[in-house]
N, C-alpha and C. Protein backbone atom coordinates (compact mmCIF):
# COMPACT_ATOMS: atom_id res chain seq x y z
N UNK A 1 -230.11 71.59 -23.75
CA UNK A 1 -228.74 71.86 -24.11
C UNK A 1 -228.71 72.73 -25.37
N UNK A 2 -227.68 73.55 -25.45
CA UNK A 2 -227.53 74.51 -26.54
C UNK A 2 -226.16 74.29 -27.17
N UNK A 3 -226.09 74.39 -28.49
CA UNK A 3 -224.81 74.33 -29.19
C UNK A 3 -224.59 75.68 -29.87
N UNK A 4 -223.38 76.17 -29.77
CA UNK A 4 -223.01 77.43 -30.40
C UNK A 4 -221.87 77.14 -31.36
N UNK A 5 -222.09 77.45 -32.63
CA UNK A 5 -221.08 77.23 -33.66
C UNK A 5 -220.49 78.58 -34.04
N UNK A 6 -219.19 78.72 -33.83
CA UNK A 6 -218.51 79.97 -34.13
C UNK A 6 -217.58 79.74 -35.31
N UNK A 7 -217.76 80.51 -36.37
CA UNK A 7 -216.91 80.43 -37.56
C UNK A 7 -215.98 81.63 -37.57
N UNK A 8 -214.70 81.33 -37.72
CA UNK A 8 -213.70 82.40 -37.82
C UNK A 8 -212.85 82.17 -39.05
N UNK A 9 -212.63 83.24 -39.82
CA UNK A 9 -211.78 83.17 -41.01
C UNK A 9 -210.49 83.92 -40.70
N UNK A 10 -209.39 83.19 -40.75
CA UNK A 10 -208.10 83.75 -40.35
C UNK A 10 -207.44 84.56 -41.46
N UNK A 11 -206.72 85.56 -41.04
CA UNK A 11 -205.88 86.31 -41.97
C UNK A 11 -204.68 85.45 -42.36
N UNK A 12 -204.03 85.80 -43.45
CA UNK A 12 -202.88 85.02 -43.92
C UNK A 12 -201.80 84.90 -42.87
N UNK A 13 -201.22 83.73 -42.80
CA UNK A 13 -200.08 83.43 -41.92
C UNK A 13 -200.41 83.52 -40.43
N UNK A 14 -201.66 83.42 -40.06
CA UNK A 14 -202.04 83.57 -38.64
C UNK A 14 -202.47 82.25 -37.99
N UNK A 15 -202.32 81.14 -38.68
CA UNK A 15 -202.80 79.87 -38.16
C UNK A 15 -202.16 79.50 -36.82
N UNK A 16 -200.87 79.54 -36.73
CA UNK A 16 -200.18 79.14 -35.49
C UNK A 16 -200.53 80.08 -34.34
N UNK A 17 -200.56 81.35 -34.62
CA UNK A 17 -200.90 82.33 -33.58
C UNK A 17 -202.33 82.13 -33.12
N UNK A 18 -203.22 81.86 -34.06
CA UNK A 18 -204.62 81.64 -33.71
C UNK A 18 -204.76 80.42 -32.80
N UNK A 19 -204.06 79.36 -33.10
CA UNK A 19 -204.16 78.13 -32.29
C UNK A 19 -203.85 78.44 -30.83
N UNK A 20 -202.83 79.23 -30.59
CA UNK A 20 -202.43 79.60 -29.23
C UNK A 20 -203.55 80.37 -28.52
N UNK A 21 -204.08 81.38 -29.19
CA UNK A 21 -205.11 82.21 -28.57
C UNK A 21 -206.45 81.47 -28.47
N UNK A 22 -206.73 80.59 -29.41
CA UNK A 22 -207.96 79.82 -29.38
C UNK A 22 -208.00 78.93 -28.13
N UNK A 23 -206.90 78.34 -27.79
CA UNK A 23 -206.82 77.51 -26.58
C UNK A 23 -207.08 78.36 -25.33
N UNK A 24 -206.57 79.56 -25.33
CA UNK A 24 -206.75 80.45 -24.17
C UNK A 24 -208.22 80.83 -23.98
N UNK A 25 -208.92 81.11 -25.07
CA UNK A 25 -210.32 81.51 -24.93
C UNK A 25 -211.16 80.33 -24.46
N UNK A 26 -210.83 79.13 -24.90
CA UNK A 26 -211.57 77.95 -24.43
C UNK A 26 -211.27 77.69 -22.96
N UNK A 27 -210.02 77.84 -22.56
CA UNK A 27 -209.67 77.66 -21.14
C UNK A 27 -210.43 78.67 -20.27
N UNK A 28 -210.63 79.86 -20.79
CA UNK A 28 -211.37 80.87 -20.04
C UNK A 28 -212.85 80.51 -19.95
N UNK A 29 -213.37 79.78 -20.94
CA UNK A 29 -214.79 79.41 -20.96
C UNK A 29 -215.12 78.25 -20.03
N UNK A 30 -214.16 77.38 -19.78
CA UNK A 30 -214.43 76.17 -18.99
C UNK A 30 -215.11 76.45 -17.65
N UNK A 31 -214.67 77.42 -16.87
CA UNK A 31 -215.35 77.66 -15.59
C UNK A 31 -216.67 78.44 -15.70
N UNK A 32 -217.05 78.85 -16.91
CA UNK A 32 -218.27 79.64 -17.08
C UNK A 32 -219.50 78.82 -16.69
N UNK A 33 -220.47 79.49 -16.12
CA UNK A 33 -221.74 78.87 -15.75
C UNK A 33 -222.36 78.18 -16.96
N UNK A 34 -222.69 76.90 -16.85
CA UNK A 34 -223.38 76.18 -17.90
C UNK A 34 -222.50 75.60 -18.99
N UNK A 35 -221.19 75.81 -18.93
CA UNK A 35 -220.29 75.27 -19.95
C UNK A 35 -220.28 73.74 -19.86
N UNK A 36 -220.45 73.08 -21.01
CA UNK A 36 -220.42 71.62 -21.05
C UNK A 36 -219.16 71.14 -21.75
N UNK A 37 -218.93 71.62 -22.98
CA UNK A 37 -217.77 71.16 -23.73
C UNK A 37 -217.48 72.09 -24.89
N UNK A 38 -216.34 71.86 -25.51
CA UNK A 38 -215.94 72.64 -26.67
C UNK A 38 -215.06 71.77 -27.57
N UNK A 39 -215.22 71.95 -28.87
CA UNK A 39 -214.37 71.26 -29.85
C UNK A 39 -214.01 72.25 -30.94
N UNK A 40 -212.80 72.10 -31.46
CA UNK A 40 -212.33 72.98 -32.54
C UNK A 40 -212.21 72.16 -33.82
N UNK A 41 -212.55 72.79 -34.94
CA UNK A 41 -212.50 72.14 -36.24
C UNK A 41 -211.83 73.05 -37.25
N UNK A 42 -211.20 72.42 -38.25
CA UNK A 42 -210.57 73.13 -39.35
C UNK A 42 -211.26 72.69 -40.64
N UNK A 43 -211.61 73.63 -41.50
CA UNK A 43 -212.24 73.30 -42.78
C UNK A 43 -211.23 72.55 -43.65
N UNK A 44 -211.65 71.42 -44.23
CA UNK A 44 -210.75 70.62 -45.08
C UNK A 44 -210.34 71.33 -46.36
N UNK A 45 -211.24 72.14 -46.91
CA UNK A 45 -210.95 72.81 -48.18
C UNK A 45 -210.22 74.13 -48.00
N UNK A 46 -210.40 74.76 -46.86
CA UNK A 46 -209.77 76.06 -46.60
C UNK A 46 -209.32 76.10 -45.14
N UNK A 47 -208.04 75.86 -44.91
CA UNK A 47 -207.53 75.77 -43.53
C UNK A 47 -207.53 77.10 -42.80
N UNK A 48 -207.88 78.17 -43.48
CA UNK A 48 -208.00 79.48 -42.81
C UNK A 48 -209.37 79.62 -42.15
N UNK A 49 -210.29 78.71 -42.44
CA UNK A 49 -211.61 78.74 -41.82
C UNK A 49 -211.62 77.77 -40.64
N UNK A 50 -211.93 78.31 -39.48
CA UNK A 50 -211.96 77.52 -38.24
C UNK A 50 -213.34 77.60 -37.63
N UNK A 51 -213.73 76.51 -37.01
CA UNK A 51 -215.01 76.44 -36.31
C UNK A 51 -214.75 76.02 -34.87
N UNK A 52 -215.50 76.58 -33.98
CA UNK A 52 -215.51 76.14 -32.59
C UNK A 52 -216.95 75.81 -32.25
N UNK A 53 -217.16 74.61 -31.72
CA UNK A 53 -218.49 74.18 -31.31
C UNK A 53 -218.49 74.11 -29.79
N UNK A 54 -219.31 74.95 -29.19
CA UNK A 54 -219.40 75.02 -27.73
C UNK A 54 -220.78 74.53 -27.31
N UNK A 55 -220.81 73.69 -26.31
CA UNK A 55 -222.09 73.24 -25.75
C UNK A 55 -222.27 73.90 -24.39
N UNK A 56 -223.44 74.51 -24.24
CA UNK A 56 -223.81 75.18 -22.99
C UNK A 56 -225.14 74.60 -22.51
N UNK A 57 -225.41 74.77 -21.24
CA UNK A 57 -226.66 74.26 -20.67
C UNK A 57 -227.88 74.95 -21.27
N UNK A 58 -227.82 76.30 -21.43
CA UNK A 58 -228.99 77.03 -21.92
C UNK A 58 -228.56 78.36 -22.53
N UNK A 59 -229.50 79.02 -23.17
CA UNK A 59 -229.23 80.29 -23.84
C UNK A 59 -228.77 81.35 -22.85
N UNK A 60 -229.34 81.38 -21.66
CA UNK A 60 -228.94 82.37 -20.66
C UNK A 60 -227.47 82.20 -20.29
N UNK A 61 -227.00 80.96 -20.18
CA UNK A 61 -225.58 80.71 -19.88
C UNK A 61 -224.70 81.21 -21.01
N UNK A 62 -225.10 80.94 -22.27
CA UNK A 62 -224.33 81.43 -23.41
C UNK A 62 -224.27 82.95 -23.41
N UNK A 63 -225.41 83.59 -23.21
CA UNK A 63 -225.43 85.06 -23.22
C UNK A 63 -224.54 85.64 -22.13
N UNK A 64 -224.55 85.01 -20.97
CA UNK A 64 -223.68 85.49 -19.88
C UNK A 64 -222.22 85.35 -20.26
N UNK A 65 -221.85 84.23 -20.86
CA UNK A 65 -220.46 84.04 -21.29
C UNK A 65 -220.12 85.00 -22.43
N UNK A 66 -221.02 85.14 -23.40
CA UNK A 66 -220.79 86.00 -24.55
C UNK A 66 -220.52 87.44 -24.12
N UNK A 67 -221.21 87.90 -23.09
CA UNK A 67 -221.08 89.28 -22.62
C UNK A 67 -220.05 89.45 -21.51
N UNK A 68 -219.38 88.38 -21.13
CA UNK A 68 -218.46 88.43 -20.00
C UNK A 68 -217.17 89.19 -20.33
N UNK A 69 -216.58 89.75 -19.29
CA UNK A 69 -215.29 90.42 -19.44
C UNK A 69 -214.21 89.44 -19.89
N UNK A 70 -214.30 88.20 -19.43
CA UNK A 70 -213.31 87.18 -19.79
C UNK A 70 -213.32 86.90 -21.29
N UNK A 71 -214.52 86.76 -21.85
CA UNK A 71 -214.60 86.51 -23.30
C UNK A 71 -214.15 87.73 -24.08
N UNK A 72 -214.56 88.90 -23.65
CA UNK A 72 -214.14 90.14 -24.33
C UNK A 72 -212.62 90.27 -24.35
N UNK A 73 -211.98 89.98 -23.22
CA UNK A 73 -210.52 90.09 -23.15
C UNK A 73 -209.85 89.09 -24.08
N UNK A 74 -210.34 87.86 -24.09
CA UNK A 74 -209.76 86.84 -24.96
C UNK A 74 -210.00 87.18 -26.43
N UNK A 75 -211.19 87.65 -26.75
CA UNK A 75 -211.53 87.98 -28.12
C UNK A 75 -210.72 89.17 -28.64
N UNK A 76 -210.36 90.07 -27.76
CA UNK A 76 -209.51 91.20 -28.14
C UNK A 76 -208.19 90.72 -28.72
N UNK A 77 -207.69 89.61 -28.21
CA UNK A 77 -206.43 89.05 -28.72
C UNK A 77 -206.63 88.31 -30.04
N UNK A 78 -207.81 87.74 -30.25
CA UNK A 78 -208.06 86.96 -31.47
C UNK A 78 -208.46 87.85 -32.65
N UNK A 79 -209.21 88.90 -32.42
CA UNK A 79 -209.73 89.72 -33.51
C UNK A 79 -208.68 90.20 -34.52
N UNK A 80 -207.49 90.62 -34.09
CA UNK A 80 -206.50 91.05 -35.09
C UNK A 80 -206.02 89.92 -36.01
N UNK A 81 -206.29 88.67 -35.64
CA UNK A 81 -205.86 87.54 -36.45
C UNK A 81 -206.89 87.15 -37.51
N UNK A 82 -208.05 87.80 -37.46
CA UNK A 82 -209.16 87.43 -38.34
C UNK A 82 -209.24 88.32 -39.57
N UNK A 83 -209.67 87.70 -40.66
CA UNK A 83 -209.87 88.43 -41.91
C UNK A 83 -211.24 89.12 -41.94
N UNK A 84 -212.18 88.60 -41.14
CA UNK A 84 -213.52 89.16 -41.06
C UNK A 84 -214.08 88.87 -39.68
N UNK A 85 -215.15 89.53 -39.28
CA UNK A 85 -215.72 89.27 -37.95
C UNK A 85 -216.20 87.82 -37.83
N UNK A 86 -216.16 87.29 -36.62
CA UNK A 86 -216.64 85.93 -36.40
C UNK A 86 -218.14 85.86 -36.67
N UNK A 87 -218.58 84.68 -37.06
CA UNK A 87 -220.00 84.44 -37.31
C UNK A 87 -220.48 83.40 -36.30
N UNK A 88 -221.54 83.70 -35.57
CA UNK A 88 -222.03 82.83 -34.52
C UNK A 88 -223.42 82.32 -34.87
N UNK A 89 -223.58 80.99 -34.82
CA UNK A 89 -224.89 80.35 -34.99
C UNK A 89 -225.25 79.65 -33.70
N UNK A 90 -226.46 79.89 -33.22
CA UNK A 90 -226.92 79.26 -31.99
C UNK A 90 -227.90 78.15 -32.38
N UNK A 91 -227.60 76.94 -31.94
CA UNK A 91 -228.34 75.76 -32.38
C UNK A 91 -228.94 75.02 -31.19
N UNK A 92 -230.04 74.36 -31.45
CA UNK A 92 -230.65 73.51 -30.44
C UNK A 92 -231.15 72.25 -31.14
N UNK A 93 -231.48 71.24 -30.38
CA UNK A 93 -231.96 70.01 -30.99
C UNK A 93 -233.32 70.22 -31.65
N UNK A 94 -233.55 69.50 -32.72
CA UNK A 94 -234.82 69.65 -33.47
C UNK A 94 -235.89 68.78 -32.87
């Protein structure tokens, strides 16, 4: 199993809009090959920092989703809401 941690820093006043689009990108990921689950988190000290933790079966499944037209289309809607590019960490069990 693979965990992917995505950090996004929102631009000012974009929290509500981001929540709407964030749900859409996760809904698009659910049918993806190897998708297991997803959870969203908000930083306690800075509510403009959001994390999404996605669990996938393997790295190949993540790469397929990452490069998919569905993710690109959803990300196109989210990018204008961000203050900086998203940061992705790929994690596995130790």
